[in-house]
PDB file of N, CA and C in Angstrom:
ATOM      1  N   MET A   1       0.844  -1.163   0.000  1.00  0.00           N
ATOM      2  CA  MET A   1       0.000   0.000   0.000  1.00  0.00           C
ATOM      3  C   MET A   1       0.895   1.233   0.000  1.00  0.00           C
ATOM      4  N   ASP A   2       0.725   2.068  -0.985  1.00  0.00           N
ATOM      5  CA  ASP A   2       1.555   3.263  -1.139  1.00  0.00           C
ATOM      6  C   ASP A   2       0.794   4.464  -0.617  1.00  0.00           C
ATOM      7  N   ILE A   3       1.276   5.017   0.452  1.00  0.00           N
ATOM      8  CA  ILE A   3       0.650   6.204   1.022  1.00  0.00           C
ATOM      9  C   ILE A   3       1.585   7.376   0.770  1.00  0.00           C
ATOM     10  N   SER A   4       1.147   8.289  -0.087  1.00  0.00           N
ATOM     11  CA  SER A   4       1.987   9.461  -0.335  1.00  0.00           C
ATOM     12  C   SER A   4       1.646  10.520   0.702  1.00  0.00           C
ATOM     13  N   THR A   5       2.668  11.163   1.204  1.00  0.00           N
ATOM     14  CA  THR A   5       2.454  12.172   2.233  1.00  0.00           C
ATOM     15  C   THR A   5       3.227  13.424   1.887  1.00  0.00           C
ATOM     16  N   GLU A   6       2.675  14.521   2.316  1.00  0.00           N
ATOM     17  CA  GLU A   6       3.406  15.774   2.210  1.00  0.00           C
ATOM     18  C   GLU A   6       3.404  16.404   3.594  1.00  0.00           C
ATOM     19  N   VAL A   7       4.425  17.147   3.882  1.00  0.00           N
ATOM     20  CA  VAL A   7       4.537  17.802   5.178  1.00  0.00           C
ATOM     21  C   VAL A   7       3.986  19.211   5.045  1.00  0.00           C
ATOM     22  N   LYS A   8       3.069  19.544   5.951  1.00  0.00           N
ATOM     23  CA  LYS A   8       2.496  20.888   5.976  1.00  0.00           C
ATOM     24  C   LYS A   8       2.803  21.518   7.325  1.00  0.00           C
ATOM     25  N   GLU A   9       2.845  22.822   7.330  1.00  0.00           N
ATOM     26  CA  GLU A   9       3.079  23.539   8.579  1.00  0.00           C
ATOM     27  C   GLU A   9       1.763  24.119   9.073  1.00  0.00           C
ATOM     28  N   TYR A  10       1.516  23.923  10.360  1.00  0.00           N
ATOM     29  CA  TYR A  10       0.297  24.416  10.997  1.00  0.00           C
ATOM     30  C   TYR A  10       0.684  25.254  12.201  1.00  0.00           C
ATOM     31  N   GLN A  11      -0.183  26.204  12.529  1.00  0.00           N
ATOM     32  CA  GLN A  11       0.016  26.978  13.748  1.00  0.00           C
ATOM     33  C   GLN A  11      -1.121  26.637  14.704  1.00  0.00           C
ATOM     34  N   ILE A  12      -0.736  26.161  15.887  1.00  0.00           N
ATOM     35  CA  ILE A  12      -1.702  25.796  16.912  1.00  0.00           C
ATOM     36  C   ILE A  12      -1.314  26.522  18.188  1.00  0.00           C
ATOM     37  N   LEU A  13      -2.220  27.345  18.687  1.00  0.00           N
ATOM     38  CA  LEU A  13      -1.995  28.111  19.918  1.00  0.00           C
ATOM     39  C   LEU A  13      -0.682  28.882  19.869  1.00  0.00           C
ATOM     40  N   GLY A  14      -0.390  29.447  18.725  1.00  0.00           N
ATOM     41  CA  GLY A  14       0.790  30.286  18.579  1.00  0.00           C
ATOM     42  C   GLY A  14       2.088  29.544  18.324  1.00  0.00           C
ATOM     43  N   HIS A  15       2.030  28.232  18.187  1.00  0.00           N
ATOM     44  CA  HIS A  15       3.231  27.430  17.929  1.00  0.00           C
ATOM     45  C   HIS A  15       3.128  26.792  16.552  1.00  0.00           C
ATOM     46  N   ASN A  16       4.258  26.731  15.856  1.00  0.00           N
ATOM     47  CA  ASN A  16       4.289  26.111  14.533  1.00  0.00           C
ATOM     48  C   ASN A  16       4.621  24.630  14.657  1.00  0.00           C
ATOM     49  N   PHE A  17       3.880  23.820  13.911  1.00  0.00           N
ATOM     50  CA  PHE A  17       4.088  22.379  13.875  1.00  0.00           C
ATOM     51  C   PHE A  17       4.131  21.928  12.427  1.00  0.00           C
ATOM     52  N   ARG A  18       5.059  21.026  12.135  1.00  0.00           N
ATOM     53  CA  ARG A  18       5.122  20.427  10.797  1.00  0.00           C
ATOM     54  C   ARG A  18       4.549  19.018  10.927  1.00  0.00           C
ATOM     55  N   LEU A  19       3.459  18.773  10.195  1.00  0.00           N
ATOM     56  CA  LEU A  19       2.776  17.489  10.275  1.00  0.00           C
ATOM     57  C   LEU A  19       2.655  16.873   8.891  1.00  0.00           C
ATOM     58  N   LYS A  20       2.721  15.544   8.845  1.00  0.00           N
ATOM     59  CA  LYS A  20       2.540  14.842   7.577  1.00  0.00           C
ATOM     60  C   LYS A  20       1.055  14.780   7.257  1.00  0.00           C
ATOM     61  N   GLU A  21       0.738  15.117   6.032  1.00  0.00           N
ATOM     62  CA  GLU A  21      -0.637  15.056   5.537  1.00  0.00           C
ATOM     63  C   GLU A  21      -0.761  13.801   4.690  1.00  0.00           C
ATOM     64  N   SER A  22      -1.634  12.893   5.067  1.00  0.00           N
ATOM     65  CA  SER A  22      -1.805  11.654   4.322  1.00  0.00           C
ATOM     66  C   SER A  22      -2.880  11.821   3.267  1.00  0.00           C
ATOM     67  N   ASN A  23      -2.689  11.170   2.136  1.00  0.00           N
ATOM     68  CA  ASN A  23      -3.686  11.174   1.073  1.00  0.00           C
ATOM     69  C   ASN A  23      -4.622   9.976   1.178  1.00  0.00           C
ATOM     70  N   GLU A  24      -4.395   9.106   2.128  1.00  0.00           N
ATOM     71  CA  GLU A  24      -5.208   7.901   2.313  1.00  0.00           C
ATOM     72  C   GLU A  24      -6.587   8.284   2.835  1.00  0.00           C
ATOM     73  N   ASP A  25      -7.626   7.764   2.201  1.00  0.00           N
ATOM     74  CA  ASP A  25      -9.001   8.117   2.556  1.00  0.00           C
ATOM     75  C   ASP A  25      -9.394   7.700   3.970  1.00  0.00           C
ATOM     76  N   GLU A  26      -8.916   6.547   4.438  1.00  0.00           N
ATOM     77  CA  GLU A  26      -9.325   6.054   5.750  1.00  0.00           C
ATOM     78  C   GLU A  26      -8.665   6.794   6.910  1.00  0.00           C
ATOM     79  N   VAL A  27      -7.608   7.494   6.645  1.00  0.00           N
ATOM     80  CA  VAL A  27      -6.851   8.159   7.700  1.00  0.00           C
ATOM     81  C   VAL A  27      -7.414   9.558   7.933  1.00  0.00           C
ATOM     82  N   VAL A  28      -7.532   9.931   9.189  1.00  0.00           N
ATOM     83  CA  VAL A  28      -7.942  11.295   9.503  1.00  0.00           C
ATOM     84  C   VAL A  28      -6.778  12.203   9.146  1.00  0.00           C
ATOM     85  N   SER A  29      -7.046  13.222   8.378  1.00  0.00           N
ATOM     86  CA  SER A  29      -5.962  14.089   7.905  1.00  0.00           C
ATOM     87  C   SER A  29      -5.459  15.008   9.011  1.00  0.00           C
ATOM     88  N   ALA A  30      -4.231  15.437   8.856  1.00  0.00           N
ATOM     89  CA  ALA A  30      -3.639  16.387   9.803  1.00  0.00           C
ATOM     90  C   ALA A  30      -4.460  17.671   9.837  1.00  0.00           C
ATOM     91  N   THR A  31      -4.959  18.089   8.684  1.00  0.00           N
ATOM     92  CA  THR A  31      -5.778  19.302   8.620  1.00  0.00           C
ATOM     93  C   THR A  31      -7.036  19.147   9.460  1.00  0.00           C
ATOM     94  N   GLU A  32      -7.695  17.983   9.359  1.00  0.00           N
ATOM     95  CA  GLU A  32      -8.896  17.738  10.158  1.00  0.00           C
ATOM     96  C   GLU A  32      -8.581  17.754  11.648  1.00  0.00           C
ATOM     97  N   ILE A  33      -7.464  17.152  12.013  1.00  0.00           N
ATOM     98  CA  ILE A  33      -7.066  17.104  13.421  1.00  0.00           C
ATOM     99  C   ILE A  33      -6.806  18.507  13.946  1.00  0.00           C
ATOM    100  N   VAL A  34      -6.044  19.288  13.197  1.00  0.00           N
ATOM    101  CA  VAL A  34      -5.723  20.657  13.619  1.00  0.00           C
ATOM    102  C   VAL A  34      -6.999  21.485  13.732  1.00  0.00           C
ATOM    103  N   GLU A  35      -7.886  21.366  12.755  1.00  0.00           N
ATOM    104  CA  GLU A  35      -9.143  22.118  12.806  1.00  0.00           C
ATOM    105  C   GLU A  35      -9.975  21.720  14.019  1.00  0.00           C
ATOM    106  N   TYR A  36      -9.984  20.437  14.354  1.00  0.00           N
ATOM    107  CA  TYR A  36     -10.732  19.962  15.514  1.00  0.00           C
ATOM    108  C   TYR A  36     -10.145  20.513  16.813  1.00  0.00           C
ATOM    109  N   VAL A  37      -8.829  20.450  16.935  1.00  0.00           N
ATOM    110  CA  VAL A  37      -8.157  20.990  18.128  1.00  0.00           C
ATOM    111  C   VAL A  37      -8.413  22.489  18.243  1.00  0.00           C
ATOM    112  N   GLU A  38      -8.302  23.200  17.128  1.00  0.00           N
ATOM    113  CA  GLU A  38      -8.556  24.646  17.138  1.00  0.00           C
ATOM    114  C   GLU A  38      -9.999  24.955  17.519  1.00  0.00           C
ATOM    115  N   SER A  39     -10.932  24.122  17.081  1.00  0.00           N
ATOM    116  CA  SER A  39     -12.341  24.308  17.425  1.00  0.00           C
ATOM    117  C   SER A  39     -12.561  24.163  18.930  1.00  0.00           C
ATOM    118  N   ILE A  40     -11.964  23.138  19.511  1.00  0.00           N
ATOM    119  CA  ILE A  40     -12.077  22.942  20.962  1.00  0.00           C
ATOM    120  C   ILE A  40     -11.430  24.109  21.693  1.00  0.00           C
ATOM    121  N   ALA A  41     -10.251  24.513  21.238  1.00  0.00           N
ATOM    122  CA  ALA A  41      -9.549  25.642  21.867  1.00  0.00           C
ATOM    123  C   ALA A  41     -10.385  26.907  21.782  1.00  0.00           C
ATOM    124  N   SER A  42     -11.009  27.137  20.647  1.00  0.00           N
ATOM    125  CA  SER A  42     -11.838  28.326  20.461  1.00  0.00           C
ATOM    126  C   SER A  42     -13.039  28.315  21.403  1.00  0.00           C
ATOM    127  N   ASN A  43     -13.678  27.155  21.543  1.00  0.00           N
ATOM    128  CA  ASN A  43     -14.821  27.046  22.458  1.00  0.00           C
ATOM    129  C   ASN A  43     -14.410  27.316  23.903  1.00  0.00           C
ATOM    130  N   ILE A  44     -13.271  26.785  24.296  1.00  0.00           N
ATOM    131  CA  ILE A  44     -12.780  27.009  25.663  1.00  0.00           C
ATOM    132  C   ILE A  44     -12.399  28.473  25.843  1.00  0.00           C
ATOM    133  N   ARG A  45     -11.727  29.041  24.850  1.00  0.00           N
ATOM    134  CA  ARG A  45     -11.282  30.443  24.915  1.00  0.00           C
ATOM    135  C   ARG A  45     -12.483  31.387  25.047  1.00  0.00           C
ATOM    136  N   GLN A  46     -13.598  31.073  24.385  1.00  0.00           N
ATOM    137  CA  GLN A  46     -14.798  31.907  24.500  1.00  0.00           C
ATOM    138  C   GLN A  46     -15.337  31.906  25.922  1.00  0.00           C
ATOM    139  N   LYS A  47     -15.227  30.769  26.599  1.00  0.00           N
ATOM    140  CA  LYS A  47     -15.733  30.654  27.969  1.00  0.00           C
ATOM    141  C   LYS A  47     -14.763  31.239  28.988  1.00  0.00           C
ATOM    142  N   ALA A  48     -13.475  31.231  28.663  1.00  0.00           N
ATOM    143  CA  ALA A  48     -12.447  31.717  29.590  1.00  0.00           C
ATOM    144  C   ALA A  48     -11.406  32.512  28.805  1.00  0.00           C
ATOM    145  N   PRO A  49     -11.745  33.735  28.405  1.00  0.00           N
ATOM    146  CA  PRO A  49     -10.863  34.496  27.513  1.00  0.00           C
ATOM    147  C   PRO A  49      -9.523  34.911  28.120  1.00  0.00           C
ATOM    148  N   SER A  50      -9.405  34.900  29.435  1.00  0.00           N
ATOM    149  CA  SER A  50      -8.169  35.405  30.041  1.00  0.00           C
ATOM    150  C   SER A  50      -7.153  34.313  30.374  1.00  0.00           C
ATOM    151  N   ILE A  51      -7.431  33.053  30.059  1.00  0.00           N
ATOM    152  CA  ILE A  51      -6.465  32.003  30.397  1.00  0.00           C
ATOM    153  C   ILE A  51      -5.265  32.052  29.448  1.00  0.00           C
ATOM    154  N   SER A  52      -4.148  31.569  29.943  1.00  0.00           N
ATOM    155  CA  SER A  52      -2.922  31.545  29.133  1.00  0.00           C
ATOM    156  C   SER A  52      -2.999  30.417  28.104  1.00  0.00           C
ATOM    157  N   ASN A  53      -2.115  30.483  27.117  1.00  0.00           N
ATOM    158  CA  ASN A  53      -2.075  29.423  26.110  1.00  0.00           C
ATOM    159  C   ASN A  53      -1.716  28.073  26.720  1.00  0.00           C
ATOM    160  N   SER A  54      -0.858  28.068  27.740  1.00  0.00           N
ATOM    161  CA  SER A  54      -0.504  26.785  28.358  1.00  0.00           C
ATOM    162  C   SER A  54      -1.695  26.211  29.128  1.00  0.00           C
ATOM    163  N   GLN A  55      -2.465  27.072  29.792  1.00  0.00           N
ATOM    164  CA  GLN A  55      -3.681  26.602  30.462  1.00  0.00           C
ATOM    165  C   GLN A  55      -4.690  26.103  29.427  1.00  0.00           C
ATOM    166  N   LEU A  56      -4.802  26.837  28.336  1.00  0.00           N
ATOM    167  CA  LEU A  56      -5.708  26.447  27.260  1.00  0.00           C
ATOM    168  C   LEU A  56      -5.300  25.092  26.687  1.00  0.00           C
ATOM    169  N   ALA A  57      -4.013  24.900  26.470  1.00  0.00           N
ATOM    170  CA  ALA A  57      -3.526  23.623  25.939  1.00  0.00           C
ATOM    171  C   ALA A  57      -3.870  22.477  26.891  1.00  0.00           C
ATOM    172  N   ALA A  58      -3.710  22.712  28.199  1.00  0.00           N
ATOM    173  CA  ALA A  58      -4.041  21.676  29.180  1.00  0.00           C
ATOM    174  C   ALA A  58      -5.536  21.371  29.162  1.00  0.00           C
ATOM    175  N   LEU A  59      -6.369  22.401  29.058  1.00  0.00           N
ATOM    176  CA  LEU A  59      -7.814  22.189  29.013  1.00  0.00           C
ATOM    177  C   LEU A  59      -8.236  21.470  27.733  1.00  0.00           C
ATOM    178  N   VAL A  60      -7.588  21.781  26.622  1.00  0.00           N
ATOM    179  CA  VAL A  60      -7.863  21.068  25.367  1.00  0.00           C
ATOM    180  C   VAL A  60      -7.489  19.594  25.535  1.00  0.00           C
ATOM    181  N   ALA A  61      -6.328  19.330  26.125  1.00  0.00           N
ATOM    182  CA  ALA A  61      -5.894  17.948  26.344  1.00  0.00           C
ATOM    183  C   ALA A  61      -6.886  17.203  27.236  1.00  0.00           C
ATOM    184  N   LEU A  62      -7.370  17.868  28.283  1.00  0.00           N
ATOM    185  CA  LEU A  62      -8.347  17.236  29.172  1.00  0.00           C
ATOM    186  C   LEU A  62      -9.655  16.945  28.441  1.00  0.00           C
ATOM    187  N   GLU A  63     -10.095  17.868  27.616  1.00  0.00           N
ATOM    188  CA  GLU A  63     -11.328  17.662  26.844  1.00  0.00           C
ATOM    189  C   GLU A  63     -11.167  16.492  25.873  1.00  0.00           C
ATOM    190  N   LEU A  64     -10.037  16.439  25.186  1.00  0.00           N
ATOM    191  CA  LEU A  64      -9.789  15.334  24.253  1.00  0.00           C
ATOM    192  C   LEU A  64      -9.704  13.997  24.990  1.00  0.00           C
ATOM    193  N   ALA A  65      -9.078  13.986  26.159  1.00  0.00           N
ATOM    194  CA  ALA A  65      -8.991  12.759  26.952  1.00  0.00           C
ATOM    195  C   ALA A  65     -10.379  12.316  27.399  1.00  0.00           C
ATOM    196  N   LYS A  66     -11.203  13.273  27.820  1.00  0.00           N
ATOM    197  CA  LYS A  66     -12.575  12.951  28.228  1.00  0.00           C
ATOM    198  C   LYS A  66     -13.350  12.337  27.065  1.00  0.00           C
ATOM    199  N   GLU A  67     -13.235  12.933  25.886  1.00  0.00           N
ATOM    200  CA  GLU A  67     -13.921  12.412  24.705  1.00  0.00           C
ATOM    201  C   GLU A  67     -13.435  11.003  24.366  1.00  0.00           C
ATOM    202  N   LYS A  68     -12.123  10.807  24.407  1.00  0.00           N
ATOM    203  CA  LYS A  68     -11.548   9.500  24.075  1.00  0.00           C
ATOM    204  C   LYS A  68     -12.031   8.438  25.051  1.00  0.00           C
ATOM    205  N   LEU A  69     -11.968   8.730  26.345  1.00  0.00           N
ATOM    206  CA  LEU A  69     -12.380   7.756  27.350  1.00  0.00           C
ATOM    207  C   LEU A  69     -13.874   7.460  27.261  1.00  0.00           C
ATOM    208  N   SER A  70     -14.677   8.476  26.980  1.00  0.00           N
ATOM    209  CA  SER A  70     -16.121   8.266  26.812  1.00  0.00           C
ATOM    210  C   SER A  70     -16.402   7.368  25.614  1.00  0.00           C
ATOM    211  N   LEU A  71     -15.701   7.616  24.509  1.00  0.00           N
ATOM    212  CA  LEU A  71     -15.880   6.782  23.319  1.00  0.00           C
ATOM    213  C   LEU A  71     -15.437   5.344  23.572  1.00  0.00           C
ATOM    214  N   GLU A  72     -14.332   5.173  24.298  1.00  0.00           N
ATOM    215  CA  GLU A  72     -13.864   3.825  24.616  1.00  0.00           C
ATOM    216  C   GLU A  72     -14.884   3.097  25.480  1.00  0.00           C
ATOM    217  N   ARG A  73     -15.450   3.786  26.460  1.00  0.00           N
ATOM    218  CA  ARG A  73     -16.452   3.181  27.336  1.00  0.00           C
ATOM    219  C   ARG A  73     -17.688   2.788  26.522  1.00  0.00           C
ATOM    220  N   GLU A  74     -18.125   3.694  25.648  1.00  0.00           N
ATOM    221  CA  GLU A  74     -19.283   3.417  24.794  1.00  0.00           C
ATOM    222  C   GLU A  74     -18.994   2.236  23.864  1.00  0.00           C
ATOM    223  N   TYR A  75     -17.792   2.195  23.308  1.00  0.00           N
ATOM    224  CA  TYR A  75     -17.390   1.102  22.415  1.00  0.00           C
ATOM    225  C   TYR A  75     -17.430  -0.238  23.150  1.00  0.00           C
ATOM    226  N   ARG A  76     -16.838  -0.285  24.351  1.00  0.00           N
ATOM    227  CA  ARG A  76     -16.843  -1.528  25.139  1.00  0.00           C
ATOM    228  C   ARG A  76     -18.269  -1.966  25.454  1.00  0.00           C
ATOM    229  N   SER A  77     -19.125  -1.011  25.792  1.00  0.00           N
ATOM    230  CA  SER A  77     -20.516  -1.316  26.092  1.00  0.00           C
ATOM    231  C   SER A  77     -21.224  -1.890  24.868  1.00  0.00           C
ATOM    232  N   GLU A  78     -21.000  -1.281  23.711  1.00  0.00           N
ATOM    233  CA  GLU A  78     -21.614  -1.764  22.469  1.00  0.00           C
ATOM    234  C   GLU A  78     -21.105  -3.159  22.118  1.00  0.00           C
ATOM    235  N   ILE A  79     -19.811  -3.399  22.298  1.00  0.00           N
ATOM    236  CA  ILE A  79     -19.240  -4.723  22.021  1.00  0.00           C
ATOM    237  C   ILE A  79     -19.870  -5.767  22.937  1.00  0.00           C
ATOM    238  N   ASN A  80     -20.013  -5.438  24.224  1.00  0.00           N
ATOM    239  CA  ASN A  80     -20.634  -6.371  25.163  1.00  0.00           C
ATOM    240  C   ASN A  80     -22.084  -6.651  24.786  1.00  0.00           C
ATOM    241  N   GLU A  81     -22.797  -5.629  24.331  1.00  0.00           N
ATOM    242  CA  GLU A  81     -24.190  -5.811  23.922  1.00  0.00           C
ATOM    243  C   GLU A  81     -24.273  -6.705  22.681  1.00  0.00           C
ATOM    244  N   VAL A  82     -23.399  -6.479  21.711  1.00  0.00           N
ATOM    245  CA  VAL A  82     -23.377  -7.318  20.506  1.00  0.00           C
ATOM    246  C   VAL A  82     -23.048  -8.760  20.878  1.00  0.00           C
ATOM    247  N   LYS A  83     -22.084  -8.952  21.783  1.00  0.00           N
ATOM    248  CA  LYS A  83     -21.718 -10.302  22.212  1.00  0.00           C
ATOM    249  C   LYS A  83     -22.899 -10.981  22.887  1.00  0.00           C
ATOM    250  N   SER A  84     -23.589 -10.272  23.754  1.00  0.00           N
ATOM    251  CA  SER A  84     -24.751 -10.829  24.439  1.00  0.00           C
ATOM    252  C   SER A  84     -25.853 -11.196  23.449  1.00  0.00           C
ATOM    253  N   LEU A  85     -26.126 -10.306  22.499  1.00  0.00           N
ATOM    254  CA  LEU A  85     -27.150 -10.586  21.488  1.00  0.00           C
ATOM    255  C   LEU A  85     -26.768 -11.785  20.624  1.00  0.00           C
ATOM    256  N   SER A  86     -25.501 -11.879  20.254  1.00  0.00           N
ATOM    257  CA  SER A  86     -25.070 -13.011  19.423  1.00  0.00           C
ATOM    258  C   SER A  86     -25.122 -14.315  20.217  1.00  0.00           C
ATOM    259  N   ASP A  87     -24.765 -14.270  21.503  1.00  0.00           N
ATOM    260  CA  ASP A  87     -24.868 -15.466  22.348  1.00  0.00           C
ATOM    261  C   ASP A  87     -26.321 -15.925  22.444  1.00  0.00           C
ATOM    262  N   ASN A  88     -27.237 -14.968  22.647  1.00  0.00           N
ATOM    263  CA  ASN A  88     -28.661 -15.300  22.737  1.00  0.00           C
ATOM    264  C   ASN A  88     -29.176 -15.857  21.413  1.00  0.00           C
ATOM    265  N   ALA A  89     -28.750 -15.259  20.309  1.00  0.00           N
ATOM    266  CA  ALA A  89     -29.170 -15.747  18.994  1.00  0.00           C
ATOM    267  C   ALA A  89     -28.661 -17.167  18.763  1.00  0.00           C
ATOM    268  N   LEU A  90     -27.431 -17.435  19.152  1.00  0.00           N
ATOM    269  CA  LEU A  90     -26.862 -18.773  18.995  1.00  0.00           C
ATOM    270  C   LEU A  90     -27.647 -19.791  19.826  1.00  0.00           C
ATOM    271  N   LYS A  91     -28.015 -19.426  21.054  1.00  0.00           N
ATOM    272  CA  LYS A  91     -28.814 -20.326  21.900  1.00  0.00           C
ATOM    273  C   LYS A  91     -30.154 -20.629  21.246  1.00  0.00           C
ATOM    274  N   LEU A  92     -30.806 -19.598  20.693  1.00  0.00           N
ATOM    275  CA  LEU A  92     -32.093 -19.807  20.027  1.00  0.00           C
ATOM    276  C   LEU A  92     -31.948 -20.723  18.818  1.00  0.00           C
ATOM    277  N   ILE A  93     -30.883 -20.537  18.053  1.00  0.00           N
ATOM    278  CA  ILE A  93     -30.635 -21.390  16.887  1.00  0.00           C
ATOM    279  C   ILE A  93     -30.398 -22.827  17.330  1.00  0.00           C
ATOM    280  N   GLU A  94     -29.589 -23.006  18.370  1.00  0.00           N
ATOM    281  CA  GLU A  94     -29.301 -24.353  18.863  1.00  0.00           C
ATOM    282  C   GLU A  94     -30.557 -25.026  19.389  1.00  0.00           C
ATOM    283  N   GLU A  95     -31.443 -24.265  20.040  1.00  0.00           N
ATOM    284  CA  GLU A  95     -32.699 -24.823  20.545  1.00  0.00           C
ATOM    285  C   GLU A  95     -33.630 -25.209  19.402  1.00  0.00           C
ATOM    286  N   ALA A  96     -33.594 -24.466  18.309  1.00  0.00           N
ATOM    287  CA  ALA A  96     -34.489 -24.720  17.178  1.00  0.00           C
ATOM    288  C   ALA A  96     -34.017 -25.880  16.311  1.00  0.00           C
ATOM    289  N   LEU A  97     -32.738 -26.169  16.329  1.00  0.00           N
ATOM    290  CA  LEU A  97     -32.206 -27.262  15.512  1.00  0.00           C
ATOM    291  C   LEU A  97     -32.578 -28.601  16.127  1.00  0.00           C
ATOM    292  N   PRO A  98     -32.851 -29.601  15.274  1.00  0.00           N
ATOM    293  CA  PRO A  98     -33.138 -30.927  15.821  1.00  0.00           C
ATOM    294  C   PRO A  98     -31.900 -31.484  16.527  1.00  0.00           C
ATOM    295  N   LYS A  99     -32.152 -32.135  17.624  1.00  0.00           N
ATOM    296  CA  LYS A  99     -31.044 -32.694  18.403  1.00  0.00           C
ATOM    297  C   LYS A  99     -30.614 -34.017  17.777  1.00  0.00           C
ATOM    298  N   THR A 100     -29.309 -34.183  17.625  1.00  0.00           N
ATOM    299  CA  THR A 100     -28.760 -35.442  17.119  1.00  0.00           C
ATOM    300  C   THR A 100     -27.854 -36.027  18.185  1.00  0.00           C
ATOM    301  N   HIS A 101     -28.053 -37.293  18.480  1.00  0.00           N
ATOM    302  CA  HIS A 101     -27.235 -37.937  19.520  1.00  0.00           C
ATOM    303  C   HIS A 101     -26.387 -38.993  18.936  1.00  0.00           C
TER     304      HIS A 101
END
C-alpha cells in the first residue's frame, strides 16, 4: 500500500508544527485534526478568555482525553451488547435445531 504524504506547517496556539498530511481516505488528515483541536480551543477560549495558552492547551488535552475515554467506554458497552445478542441468537438457533445424539 503506497501512502503518499506531504509535510504541511500548521500553527496551533501560537506554535508552529510540521505534520505529515496523508492522502489515504481512511486516515484522519492532519488538517482535520488541527481544525478539531482549534475548534475545541476556540470554544474554551470563548468561555475563559483570560487564560494563558498553556492553560488552554491543558484544558484542550483534558477535553480530548474525556472524549476518548467516553468513546472507549461506549465502544466496550456496544461490544458487550453485541456479544450478548449473538450469544442469545446462537442459543435460540441451537434450541431450534433438531437434536442429534
